[in-house]
């Protein structure tokens, strides 16, 4: 009789331990998922910003404003957009190169 109670007790305790460990893994998974989703969002935003600034740069090259102040204002706009690209994204190195080139134009 005592053996059955001990086995039942051990099985019940074992299930609780597994349940607690599973809950910890679920919490860790949810945290990791949130991090991945944030990184994916940053990557998507960075790509869109870089594409938009590349279009603006091409447009500026094709038809640069004759007014120096207008030209500088457009360069400032490009610089501000490039600065929003987060480090760690695949677009960041190119954004930094474009940023350096744009700053030289001021």
PDB file of N, CA and C in Angstrom:
ATOM      1  N   UNK A   1       0.816  -1.187   0.000  1.00  0.00           N
ATOM      2  CA  UNK A   1       0.000   0.000   0.000  1.00  0.00           C
ATOM      3  C   UNK A   1       0.864   1.257   0.000  1.00  0.00           C
ATOM      4  N   UNK A   2       1.842   1.333   0.841  1.00  0.00           N
ATOM      5  CA  UNK A   2       2.715   2.492   0.885  1.00  0.00           C
ATOM      6  C   UNK A   2       3.451   2.690  -0.426  1.00  0.00           C
ATOM      7  N   UNK A   3       3.793   1.579  -1.096  1.00  0.00           N
ATOM      8  CA  UNK A   3       4.505   1.673  -2.371  1.00  0.00           C
ATOM      9  C   UNK A   3       3.617   2.362  -3.408  1.00  0.00           C
ATOM     10  N   UNK A   4       2.340   2.025  -3.479  1.00  0.00           N
ATOM     11  CA  UNK A   4       1.423   2.661  -4.429  1.00  0.00           C
ATOM     12  C   UNK A   4       1.287   4.144  -4.135  1.00  0.00           C
ATOM     13  N   UNK A   5       1.191   4.476  -2.895  1.00  0.00           N
ATOM     14  CA  UNK A   5       1.083   5.885  -2.548  1.00  0.00           C
ATOM     15  C   UNK A   5       2.359   6.626  -2.946  1.00  0.00           C
ATOM     16  N   UNK A   6       3.499   6.035  -2.704  1.00  0.00           N
ATOM     17  CA  UNK A   6       4.768   6.662  -3.074  1.00  0.00           C
ATOM     18  C   UNK A   6       4.883   6.819  -4.578  1.00  0.00           C
ATOM     19  N   UNK A   7       4.476   5.790  -5.324  1.00  0.00           N
ATOM     20  CA  UNK A   7       4.532   5.864  -6.787  1.00  0.00           C
ATOM     21  C   UNK A   7       3.577   6.939  -7.277  1.00  0.00           C
ATOM     22  N   UNK A   8       2.363   6.951  -6.751  1.00  0.00           N
ATOM     23  CA  UNK A   8       1.376   7.960  -7.140  1.00  0.00           C
ATOM     24  C   UNK A   8       1.891   9.351  -6.814  1.00  0.00           C
ATOM     25  N   UNK A   9       2.458   9.479  -5.667  1.00  0.00           N
ATOM     26  CA  UNK A   9       3.010  10.763  -5.253  1.00  0.00           C
ATOM     27  C   UNK A   9       4.152  11.176  -6.175  1.00  0.00           C
ATOM     28  N   UNK A  10       5.036  10.256  -6.493  1.00  0.00           N
ATOM     29  CA  UNK A  10       6.159  10.568  -7.376  1.00  0.00           C
ATOM     30  C   UNK A  10       5.699  10.921  -8.784  1.00  0.00           C
ATOM     31  N   UNK A  11       4.705  10.202  -9.295  1.00  0.00           N
ATOM     32  CA  UNK A  11       4.181  10.494 -10.625  1.00  0.00           C
ATOM     33  C   UNK A  11       3.529  11.859 -10.638  1.00  0.00           C
ATOM     34  N   UNK A  12       2.746  12.146  -9.626  1.00  0.00           N
ATOM     35  CA  UNK A  12       2.073  13.438  -9.537  1.00  0.00           C
ATOM     36  C   UNK A  12       3.097  14.567  -9.439  1.00  0.00           C
ATOM     37  N   UNK A  13       4.106  14.399  -8.626  1.00  0.00           N
ATOM     38  CA  UNK A  13       5.164  15.394  -8.493  1.00  0.00           C
ATOM     39  C   UNK A  13       5.913  15.549  -9.810  1.00  0.00           C
ATOM     40  N   UNK A  14       6.169  14.450 -10.463  1.00  0.00           N
ATOM     41  CA  UNK A  14       6.859  14.481 -11.759  1.00  0.00           C
ATOM     42  C   UNK A  14       6.080  15.265 -12.798  1.00  0.00           C
ATOM     43  N   UNK A  15       4.771  15.063 -12.834  1.00  0.00           N
ATOM     44  CA  UNK A  15       3.941  15.822 -13.780  1.00  0.00           C
ATOM     45  C   UNK A  15       3.983  17.314 -13.480  1.00  0.00           C
ATOM     46  N   UNK A  16       3.939  17.671 -12.201  1.00  0.00           N
ATOM     47  CA  UNK A  16       3.989  19.086 -11.833  1.00  0.00           C
ATOM     48  C   UNK A  16       5.326  19.706 -12.222  1.00  0.00           C
ATOM     49  N   UNK A  17       6.383  18.954 -12.039  1.00  0.00           N
ATOM     50  CA  UNK A  17       7.700  19.461 -12.426  1.00  0.00           C
ATOM     51  C   UNK A  17       7.747  19.682 -13.941  1.00  0.00           C
ATOM     52  N   UNK A  18       7.228  18.721 -14.691  1.00  0.00           N
ATOM     53  CA  UNK A  18       7.179  18.867 -16.151  1.00  0.00           C
ATOM     54  C   UNK A  18       6.308  20.052 -16.557  1.00  0.00           C
ATOM     55  N   UNK A  19       5.176  20.206 -15.888  1.00  0.00           N
ATOM     56  CA  UNK A  19       4.271  21.316 -16.187  1.00  0.00           C
ATOM     57  C   UNK A  19       4.963  22.656 -15.940  1.00  0.00           C
ATOM     58  N   UNK A  20       5.640  22.774 -14.821  1.00  0.00           N
ATOM     59  CA  UNK A  20       6.344  24.018 -14.488  1.00  0.00           C
ATOM     60  C   UNK A  20       7.442  24.292 -15.515  1.00  0.00           C
ATOM     61  N   UNK A  21       8.194  23.277 -15.884  1.00  0.00           N
ATOM     62  CA  UNK A  21       9.246  23.440 -16.895  1.00  0.00           C
ATOM     63  C   UNK A  21       8.649  23.830 -18.249  1.00  0.00           C
ATOM     64  N   UNK A  22       7.514  23.242 -18.587  1.00  0.00           N
ATOM     65  CA  UNK A  22       6.841  23.582 -19.843  1.00  0.00           C
ATOM     66  C   UNK A  22       6.388  25.044 -19.828  1.00  0.00           C
ATOM     67  N   UNK A  23       5.875  25.505 -18.694  1.00  0.00           N
ATOM     68  CA  UNK A  23       5.459  26.902 -18.576  1.00  0.00           C
ATOM     69  C   UNK A  23       6.648  27.848 -18.733  1.00  0.00           C
ATOM     70  N   UNK A  24       7.792  27.470 -18.183  1.00  0.00           N
ATOM     71  CA  UNK A  24       9.010  28.278 -18.340  1.00  0.00           C
ATOM     72  C   UNK A  24       9.431  28.339 -19.805  1.00  0.00           C
ATOM     73  N   UNK A  25       9.352  27.203 -20.476  1.00  0.00           N
ATOM     74  CA  UNK A  25       9.717  27.166 -21.902  1.00  0.00           C
ATOM     75  C   UNK A  25       8.756  27.997 -22.745  1.00  0.00           C
ATOM     76  N   UNK A  26       7.487  27.940 -22.411  1.00  0.00           N
ATOM     77  CA  UNK A  26       6.497  28.746 -23.143  1.00  0.00           C
ATOM     78  C   UNK A  26       6.789  30.235 -22.952  1.00  0.00           C
ATOM     79  N   UNK A  27       7.095  30.631 -21.733  1.00  0.00           N
ATOM     80  CA  UNK A  27       7.411  32.039 -21.465  1.00  0.00           C
ATOM     81  C   UNK A  27       8.659  32.460 -22.242  1.00  0.00           C
ATOM     82  N   UNK A  28       9.664  31.598 -22.247  1.00  0.00           N
ATOM     83  CA  UNK A  28      10.894  31.898 -22.987  1.00  0.00           C
ATOM     84  C   UNK A  28      10.598  31.979 -24.488  1.00  0.00           C
ATOM     85  N   UNK A  29       9.794  31.078 -25.002  1.00  0.00           N
ATOM     86  CA  UNK A  29       9.406  31.092 -26.410  1.00  0.00           C
ATOM     87  C   UNK A  29       8.686  32.392 -26.756  1.00  0.00           C
ATOM     88  N   UNK A  30       7.762  32.821 -25.903  1.00  0.00           N
ATOM     89  CA  UNK A  30       7.008  34.049 -26.172  1.00  0.00           C
ATOM     90  C   UNK A  30       7.928  35.270 -26.168  1.00  0.00           C
ATOM     91  N   UNK A  31       8.894  35.286 -25.272  1.00  0.00           N
ATOM     92  CA  UNK A  31       9.868  36.379 -25.237  1.00  0.00           C
ATOM     93  C   UNK A  31      10.688  36.380 -26.524  1.00  0.00           C
ATOM     94  N   UNK A  32      11.181  35.208 -26.913  1.00  0.00           N
ATOM     95  CA  UNK A  32      11.972  35.097 -28.144  1.00  0.00           C
ATOM     96  C   UNK A  32      11.148  35.479 -29.366  1.00  0.00           C
ATOM     97  N   UNK A  33       9.897  35.074 -29.386  1.00  0.00           N
ATOM     98  CA  UNK A  33       9.012  35.412 -30.500  1.00  0.00           C
ATOM     99  C   UNK A  33       8.830  36.922 -30.597  1.00  0.00           C
ATOM    100  N   UNK A  34       8.651  37.573 -29.465  1.00  0.00           N
ATOM    101  CA  UNK A  34       8.514  39.030 -29.456  1.00  0.00           C
ATOM    102  C   UNK A  34       9.766  39.708 -29.986  1.00  0.00           C
ATOM    103  N   UNK A  35      10.925  39.211 -29.587  1.00  0.00           N
ATOM    104  CA  UNK A  35      12.194  39.764 -30.066  1.00  0.00           C
ATOM    105  C   UNK A  35      12.321  39.581 -31.576  1.00  0.00           C
ATOM    106  N   UNK A  36      11.989  38.413 -32.055  1.00  0.00           N
ATOM    107  CA  UNK A  36      12.061  38.129 -33.496  1.00  0.00           C
ATOM    108  C   UNK A  36      11.094  39.017 -34.267  1.00  0.00           C
ATOM    109  N   UNK A  37       9.889  39.181 -33.753  1.00  0.00           N
ATOM    110  CA  UNK A  37       8.905  40.025 -34.431  1.00  0.00           C
ATOM    111  C   UNK A  37       9.378  41.480 -34.482  1.00  0.00           C
ATOM    112  N   UNK A  38      10.001  41.950 -33.411  1.00  0.00           N
ATOM    113  CA  UNK A  38      10.534  43.322 -33.401  1.00  0.00           C
ATOM    114  C   UNK A  38      11.641  43.468 -34.432  1.00  0.00           C
ATOM    115  N   UNK A  39      12.540  42.509 -34.450  1.00  0.00           N
ATOM    116  CA  UNK A  39      13.640  42.561 -35.422  1.00  0.00           C
ATOM    117  C   UNK A  39      13.115  42.507 -36.852  1.00  0.00           C
ATOM    118  N   UNK A  40      12.106  41.700 -37.072  1.00  0.00           N
ATOM    119  CA  UNK A  40      11.507  41.598 -38.407  1.00  0.00           C
ATOM    120  C   UNK A  40      10.871  42.930 -38.804  1.00  0.00           C
ATOM    121  N   UNK A  41      10.208  43.575 -37.856  1.00  0.00           N
ATOM    122  CA  UNK A  41       9.588  44.872 -38.123  1.00  0.00           C
ATOM    123  C   UNK A  41      10.668  45.920 -38.419  1.00  0.00           C
ATOM    124  N   UNK A  42      11.746  45.937 -37.616  1.00  0.00           N
ATOM    125  CA  UNK A  42      12.846  46.884 -37.845  1.00  0.00           C
ATOM    126  C   UNK A  42      13.467  46.667 -39.215  1.00  0.00           C
ATOM    127  N   UNK A  43      13.627  45.415 -39.588  1.00  0.00           N
ATOM    128  CA  UNK A  43      14.230  45.077 -40.884  1.00  0.00           C
ATOM    129  C   UNK A  43      13.344  45.559 -42.025  1.00  0.00           C
ATOM    130  N   UNK A  44      12.058  45.317 -41.917  1.00  0.00           N
ATOM    131  CA  UNK A  44      11.115  45.743 -42.943  1.00  0.00           C
ATOM    132  C   UNK A  44      11.077  47.264 -43.053  1.00  0.00           C
ATOM    133  N   UNK A  45      11.014  47.939 -41.907  1.00  0.00           N
ATOM    134  CA  UNK A  45      10.995  49.404 -41.916  1.00  0.00           C
ATOM    135  C   UNK A  45      12.283  49.961 -42.508  1.00  0.00           C
ATOM    136  N   UNK A  46      13.413  49.372 -42.133  1.00  0.00           N
ATOM    137  CA  UNK A  46      14.710  49.839 -42.636  1.00  0.00           C
ATOM    138  C   UNK A  46      14.792  49.686 -44.147  1.00  0.00           C
ATOM    139  N   UNK A  47      14.304  48.579 -44.641  1.00  0.00           N
ATOM    140  CA  UNK A  47      14.324  48.336 -46.088  1.00  0.00           C
ATOM    141  C   UNK A  47      13.468  49.373 -46.810  1.00  0.00           C
ATOM    142  N   UNK A  48      12.285  49.652 -46.280  1.00  0.00           N
ATOM    143  CA  UNK A  48      11.390  50.636 -46.890  1.00  0.00           C
ATOM    144  C   UNK A  48      12.006  52.032 -46.867  1.00  0.00           C
ATOM    145  N   UNK A  49      12.613  52.390 -45.746  1.00  0.00           N
ATOM    146  CA  UNK A  49      13.243  53.710 -45.632  1.00  0.00           C
ATOM    147  C   UNK A  49      14.395  53.830 -46.615  1.00  0.00           C
ATOM    148  N   UNK A  50      15.213  52.786 -46.691  1.00  0.00           N
ATOM    149  CA  UNK A  50      16.355  52.815 -47.602  1.00  0.00           C
ATOM    150  C   UNK A  50      15.900  52.912 -49.058  1.00  0.00           C
ATOM    151  N   UNK A  51      14.873  52.167 -49.418  1.00  0.00           N
ATOM    152  CA  UNK A  51      14.340  52.241 -50.780  1.00  0.00           C
ATOM    153  C   UNK A  51      13.819  53.648 -51.078  1.00  0.00           C
ATOM    154  N   UNK A  52      13.105  54.232 -50.132  1.00  0.00           N
ATOM    155  CA  UNK A  52      12.556  55.577 -50.328  1.00  0.00           C
ATOM    156  C   UNK A  52      13.670  56.613 -50.455  1.00  0.00           C
ATOM    157  N   UNK A  53      14.685  56.510 -49.610  1.00  0.00           N
ATOM    158  CA  UNK A  53      15.778  57.489 -49.691  1.00  0.00           C
ATOM    159  C   UNK A  53      16.580  57.306 -50.973  1.00  0.00           C
ATOM    160  N   UNK A  54      16.733  56.078 -51.421  1.00  0.00           N
ATOM    161  CA  UNK A  54      17.420  55.860 -52.704  1.00  0.00           C
ATOM    162  C   UNK A  54      16.643  56.496 -53.850  1.00  0.00           C
ATOM    163  N   UNK A  55      15.313  56.398 -53.804  1.00  0.00           N
ATOM    164  CA  UNK A  55      14.499  57.060 -54.828  1.00  0.00           C
ATOM    165  C   UNK A  55      14.674  58.570 -54.768  1.00  0.00           C
ATOM    166  N   UNK A  56      14.679  59.108 -53.549  1.00  0.00           N
ATOM    167  CA  UNK A  56      14.858  60.556 -53.384  1.00  0.00           C
ATOM    168  C   UNK A  56      16.219  61.005 -53.890  1.00  0.00           C
ATOM    169  N   UNK A  57      17.246  60.223 -53.597  1.00  0.00           N
ATOM    170  CA  UNK A  57      18.597  60.564 -54.053  1.00  0.00           C
ATOM    171  C   UNK A  57      18.655  60.558 -55.579  1.00  0.00           C
ATOM    172  N   UNK A  58      18.081  59.524 -56.192  1.00  0.00           N
ATOM    173  CA  UNK A  58      18.073  59.449 -57.663  1.00  0.00           C
ATOM    174  C   UNK A  58      17.321  60.634 -58.257  1.00  0.00           C
ATOM    175  N   UNK A  59      16.201  60.980 -57.650  1.00  0.00           N
ATOM    176  CA  UNK A  59      15.418  62.112 -58.128  1.00  0.00           C
ATOM    177  C   UNK A  59      16.206  63.409 -57.983  1.00  0.00           C
ATOM    178  N   UNK A  60      16.922  63.541 -56.895  1.00  0.00           N
ATOM    179  CA  UNK A  60      17.733  64.725 -56.645  1.00  0.00           C
ATOM    180  C   UNK A  60      18.882  64.825 -57.649  1.00  0.00           C
ATOM    181  N   UNK A  61      19.446  63.676 -58.006  1.00  0.00           N
ATOM    182  CA  UNK A  61      20.524  63.664 -59.000  1.00  0.00           C
ATOM    183  C   UNK A  61      19.993  64.053 -60.371  1.00  0.00           C
ATOM    184  N   UNK A  62      18.844  63.509 -60.720  1.00  0.00           N
ATOM    185  CA  UNK A  62      18.253  63.779 -62.033  1.00  0.00           C
ATOM    186  C   UNK A  62      17.827  65.229 -62.169  1.00  0.00           C
ATOM    187  N   UNK A  63      17.193  65.760 -61.132  1.00  0.00           N
ATOM    188  CA  UNK A  63      16.706  67.137 -61.220  1.00  0.00           C
ATOM    189  C   UNK A  63      16.970  67.868 -59.903  1.00  0.00           C
ATOM    190  N   UNK A  64      18.205  68.257 -59.716  1.00  0.00           N
ATOM    191  CA  UNK A  64      18.572  68.996 -58.505  1.00  0.00           C
ATOM    192  C   UNK A  64      17.969  70.392 -58.558  1.00  0.00           C
ATOM    193  N   UNK A  65      17.435  70.862 -57.442  1.00  0.00           N
ATOM    194  CA  UNK A  65      16.872  72.208 -57.417  1.00  0.00           C
ATOM    195  C   UNK A  65      17.979  73.247 -57.640  1.00  0.00           C
ATOM    196  N   UNK A  66      17.635  74.304 -58.335  1.00  0.00           N
ATOM    197  CA  UNK A  66      18.623  75.353 -58.590  1.00  0.00           C
ATOM    198  C   UNK A  66      18.868  76.194 -57.337  1.00  0.00           C
ATOM    199  N   UNK A  67      17.891  76.219 -56.466  1.00  0.00           N
ATOM    200  CA  UNK A  67      18.015  76.969 -55.216  1.00  0.00           C
ATOM    201  C   UNK A  67      18.849  76.159 -54.218  1.00  0.00           C
ATOM    202  N   UNK A  68      19.938  76.731 -53.740  1.00  0.00           N
ATOM    203  CA  UNK A  68      20.848  76.052 -52.816  1.00  0.00           C
ATOM    204  C   UNK A  68      20.149  75.665 -51.521  1.00  0.00           C
ATOM    205  N   UNK A  69      19.295  76.541 -51.010  1.00  0.00           N
ATOM    206  CA  UNK A  69      18.587  76.256 -49.757  1.00  0.00           C
ATOM    207  C   UNK A  69      17.636  75.062 -49.918  1.00  0.00           C
ATOM    208  N   UNK A  70      16.968  75.002 -51.058  1.00  0.00           N
ATOM    209  CA  UNK A  70      16.062  73.880 -51.326  1.00  0.00           C
ATOM    210  C   UNK A  70      16.857  72.570 -51.423  1.00  0.00           C
ATOM    211  N   UNK A  71      18.007  72.640 -52.083  1.00  0.00           N
ATOM    212  CA  UNK A  71      18.877  71.464 -52.221  1.00  0.00           C
ATOM    213  C   UNK A  71      19.312  70.978 -50.831  1.00  0.00           C
ATOM    214  N   UNK A  72      19.738  71.910 -49.994  1.00  0.00           N
ATOM    215  CA  UNK A  72      20.176  71.551 -48.641  1.00  0.00           C
ATOM    216  C   UNK A  72      19.018  70.988 -47.814  1.00  0.00           C
ATOM    217  N   UNK A  73      17.843  71.540 -47.995  1.00  0.00           N
ATOM    218  CA  UNK A  73      16.670  71.053 -47.263  1.00  0.00           C
ATOM    219  C   UNK A  73      16.364  69.604 -47.646  1.00  0.00           C
ATOM    220  N   UNK A  74      16.479  69.303 -48.923  1.00  0.00           N
ATOM    221  CA  UNK A  74      16.228  67.935 -49.373  1.00  0.00           C
ATOM    222  C   UNK A  74      17.304  66.981 -48.857  1.00  0.00           C
ATOM    223  N   UNK A  75      18.542  67.444 -48.822  1.00  0.00           N
ATOM    224  CA  UNK A  75      19.626  66.627 -48.269  1.00  0.00           C
ATOM    225  C   UNK A  75      19.378  66.381 -46.774  1.00  0.00           C
ATOM    226  N   UNK A  76      18.946  67.412 -46.052  1.00  0.00           N
ATOM    227  CA  UNK A  76      18.630  67.256 -44.623  1.00  0.00           C
ATOM    228  C   UNK A  76      17.515  66.227 -44.423  1.00  0.00           C
ATOM    229  N   UNK A  77      16.514  66.259 -45.293  1.00  0.00           N
ATOM    230  CA  UNK A  77      15.417  65.295 -45.207  1.00  0.00           C
ATOM    231  C   UNK A  77      15.943  63.873 -45.395  1.00  0.00           C
ATOM    232  N   UNK A  78      16.819  63.695 -46.368  1.00  0.00           N
ATOM    233  CA  UNK A  78      17.415  62.379 -46.620  1.00  0.00           C
ATOM    234  C   UNK A  78      18.230  61.932 -45.409  1.00  0.00           C
ATOM    235  N   UNK A  79      19.020  62.832 -44.868  1.00  0.00           N
ATOM    236  CA  UNK A  79      19.840  62.514 -43.682  1.00  0.00           C
ATOM    237  C   UNK A  79      18.953  62.088 -42.515  1.00  0.00           C
ATOM    238  N   UNK A  80      17.888  62.837 -42.276  1.00  0.00           N
ATOM    239  CA  UNK A  80      16.979  62.493 -41.177  1.00  0.00           C
ATOM    240  C   UNK A  80      16.347  61.127 -41.364  1.00  0.00           C
ATOM    241  N   UNK A  81      15.986  60.804 -42.591  1.00  0.00           N
ATOM    242  CA  UNK A  81      15.404  59.488 -42.863  1.00  0.00           C
ATOM    243  C   UNK A  81      16.429  58.381 -42.637  1.00  0.00           C
ATOM    244  N   UNK A  82      17.652  58.593 -43.115  1.00  0.00           N
ATOM    245  CA  UNK A  82      18.696  57.575 -42.960  1.00  0.00           C
ATOM    246  C   UNK A  82      19.040  57.337 -41.493  1.00  0.00           C
ATOM    247  N   UNK A  83      18.948  58.359 -40.690  1.00  0.00           N
ATOM    248  CA  UNK A  83      19.255  58.225 -39.254  1.00  0.00           C
ATOM    249  C   UNK A  83      18.235  57.369 -38.510  1.00  0.00           C
ATOM    250  N   UNK A  84      17.065  57.163 -39.099  1.00  0.00           N
ATOM    251  CA  UNK A  84      16.043  56.348 -38.429  1.00  0.00           C
ATOM    252  C   UNK A  84      16.266  54.854 -38.632  1.00  0.00           C
ATOM    253  N   UNK A  85      17.177  54.489 -39.515  1.00  0.00           N
ATOM    254  CA  UNK A  85      17.457  53.065 -39.755  1.00  0.00           C
ATOM    255  C   UNK A  85      18.260  52.524 -38.573  1.00  0.00           C
ATOM    256  N   UNK A  86      17.746  51.482 -37.973  1.00  0.00           N
ATOM    257  CA  UNK A  86      18.328  50.947 -36.739  1.00  0.00           C
ATOM    258  C   UNK A  86      19.579  50.111 -37.009  1.00  0.00           C
ATOM    259  N   UNK A  87      20.564  50.237 -36.108  1.00  0.00           N
ATOM    260  CA  UNK A  87      21.747  49.371 -36.192  1.00  0.00           C
ATOM    261  C   UNK A  87      21.329  47.902 -36.092  1.00  0.00           C
ATOM    262  N   UNK A  88      22.063  47.052 -36.757  1.00  0.00           N
ATOM    263  CA  UNK A  88      21.761  45.625 -36.709  1.00  0.00           C
ATOM    264  C   UNK A  88      20.885  45.163 -37.854  1.00  0.00           C
ATOM    265  N   UNK A  89      20.307  46.107 -38.605  1.00  0.00           N
ATOM    266  CA  UNK A  89      19.521  45.711 -39.770  1.00  0.00           C
ATOM    267  C   UNK A  89      20.464  45.558 -40.959  1.00  0.00           C
ATOM    268  N   UNK A  90      20.030  44.827 -41.961  1.00  0.00           N
ATOM    269  CA  UNK A  90      20.879  44.636 -43.141  1.00  0.00           C
ATOM    270  C   UNK A  90      21.013  45.929 -43.943  1.00  0.00           C
ATOM    271  N   UNK A  91      20.102  46.842 -43.755  1.00  0.00           N
ATOM    272  CA  UNK A  91      20.149  48.126 -44.466  1.00  0.00           C
ATOM    273  C   UNK A  91      21.083  49.130 -43.792  1.00  0.00           C
ATOM    274  N   UNK A  92      21.434  48.881 -42.555  1.00  0.00           N
ATOM    275  CA  UNK A  92      22.206  49.857 -41.781  1.00  0.00           C
ATOM    276  C   UNK A  92      23.556  50.222 -42.415  1.00  0.00           C
ATOM    277  N   UNK A  93      24.374  49.252 -42.860  1.00  0.00           N
ATOM    278  CA  UNK A  93      25.671  49.646 -43.444  1.00  0.00           C
ATOM    279  C   UNK A  93      25.521  50.563 -44.663  1.00  0.00           C
ATOM    280  N   UNK A  94      24.588  50.236 -45.542  1.00  0.00           N
ATOM    281  CA  UNK A  94      24.373  51.087 -46.718  1.00  0.00           C
ATOM    282  C   UNK A  94      23.848  52.452 -46.295  1.00  0.00           C
ATOM    283  N   UNK A  95      22.975  52.477 -45.310  1.00  0.00           N
ATOM    284  CA  UNK A  95      22.443  53.746 -44.816  1.00  0.00           C
ATOM    285  C   UNK A  95      23.567  54.617 -44.260  1.00  0.00           C
ATOM    286  N   UNK A  96      24.523  54.002 -43.569  1.00  0.00           N
ATOM    287  CA  UNK A  96      25.644  54.758 -43.015  1.00  0.00           C
ATOM    288  C   UNK A  96      26.527  55.327 -44.126  1.00  0.00           C
ATOM    289  N   UNK A  97      26.725  54.576 -45.192  1.00  0.00           N
ATOM    290  CA  UNK A  97      27.505  55.073 -46.335  1.00  0.00           C
ATOM    291  C   UNK A  97      26.795  56.253 -46.988  1.00  0.00           C
ATOM    292  N   UNK A  98      25.498  56.104 -47.221  1.00  0.00           N
ATOM    293  CA  UNK A  98      24.726  57.189 -47.830  1.00  0.00           C
ATOM    294  C   UNK A  98      24.689  58.410 -46.914  1.00  0.00           C
ATOM    295  N   UNK A  99      24.585  58.176 -45.629  1.00  0.00           N
ATOM    296  CA  UNK A  99      24.570  59.258 -44.653  1.00  0.00           C
ATOM    297  C   UNK A  99      25.876  60.053 -44.718  1.00  0.00           C
ATOM    298  N   UNK A 100      26.994  59.354 -44.771  1.00  0.00           N
ATOM    299  CA  UNK A 100      28.295  60.032 -44.859  1.00  0.00           C
ATOM    300  C   UNK A 100      28.391  60.847 -46.147  1.00  0.00           C
ATOM    301  N   UNK A 101      27.924  60.284 -47.251  1.00  0.00           N
ATOM    302  CA  UNK A 101      27.971  61.006 -48.535  1.00  0.00           C
ATOM    303  C   UNK A 101      27.050  62.228 -48.502  1.00  0.00           C
ATOM    304  N   UNK A 102      25.882  62.075 -47.916  1.00  0.00           N
ATOM    305  CA  UNK A 102      24.928  63.193 -47.834  1.00  0.00           C
ATOM    306  C   UNK A 102      25.476  64.313 -46.963  1.00  0.00           C
ATOM    307  N   UNK A 103      26.108  63.945 -45.866  1.00  0.00           N
ATOM    308  CA  UNK A 103      26.652  64.968 -44.969  1.00  0.00           C
ATOM    309  C   UNK A 103      27.779  65.752 -45.644  1.00  0.00           C
ATOM    310  N   UNK A 104      28.507  65.110 -46.534  1.00  0.00           N
ATOM    311  CA  UNK A 104      29.573  65.812 -47.271  1.00  0.00           C
ATOM    312  C   UNK A 104      28.987  66.843 -48.248  1.00  0.00           C
ATOM    313  N   UNK A 105      27.744  66.633 -48.650  1.00  0.00           N
ATOM    314  CA  UNK A 105      27.096  67.555 -49.607  1.00  0.00           C
ATOM    315  C   UNK A 105      26.605  68.836 -48.959  1.00  0.00           C
ATOM    316  N   UNK A 106      26.573  68.860 -47.639  1.00  0.00           N
ATOM    317  CA  UNK A 106      26.078  70.062 -46.954  1.00  0.00           C
ATOM    318  C   UNK A 106      27.155  71.122 -46.839  1.00  0.00           C
TER     319      UNK A 106
END
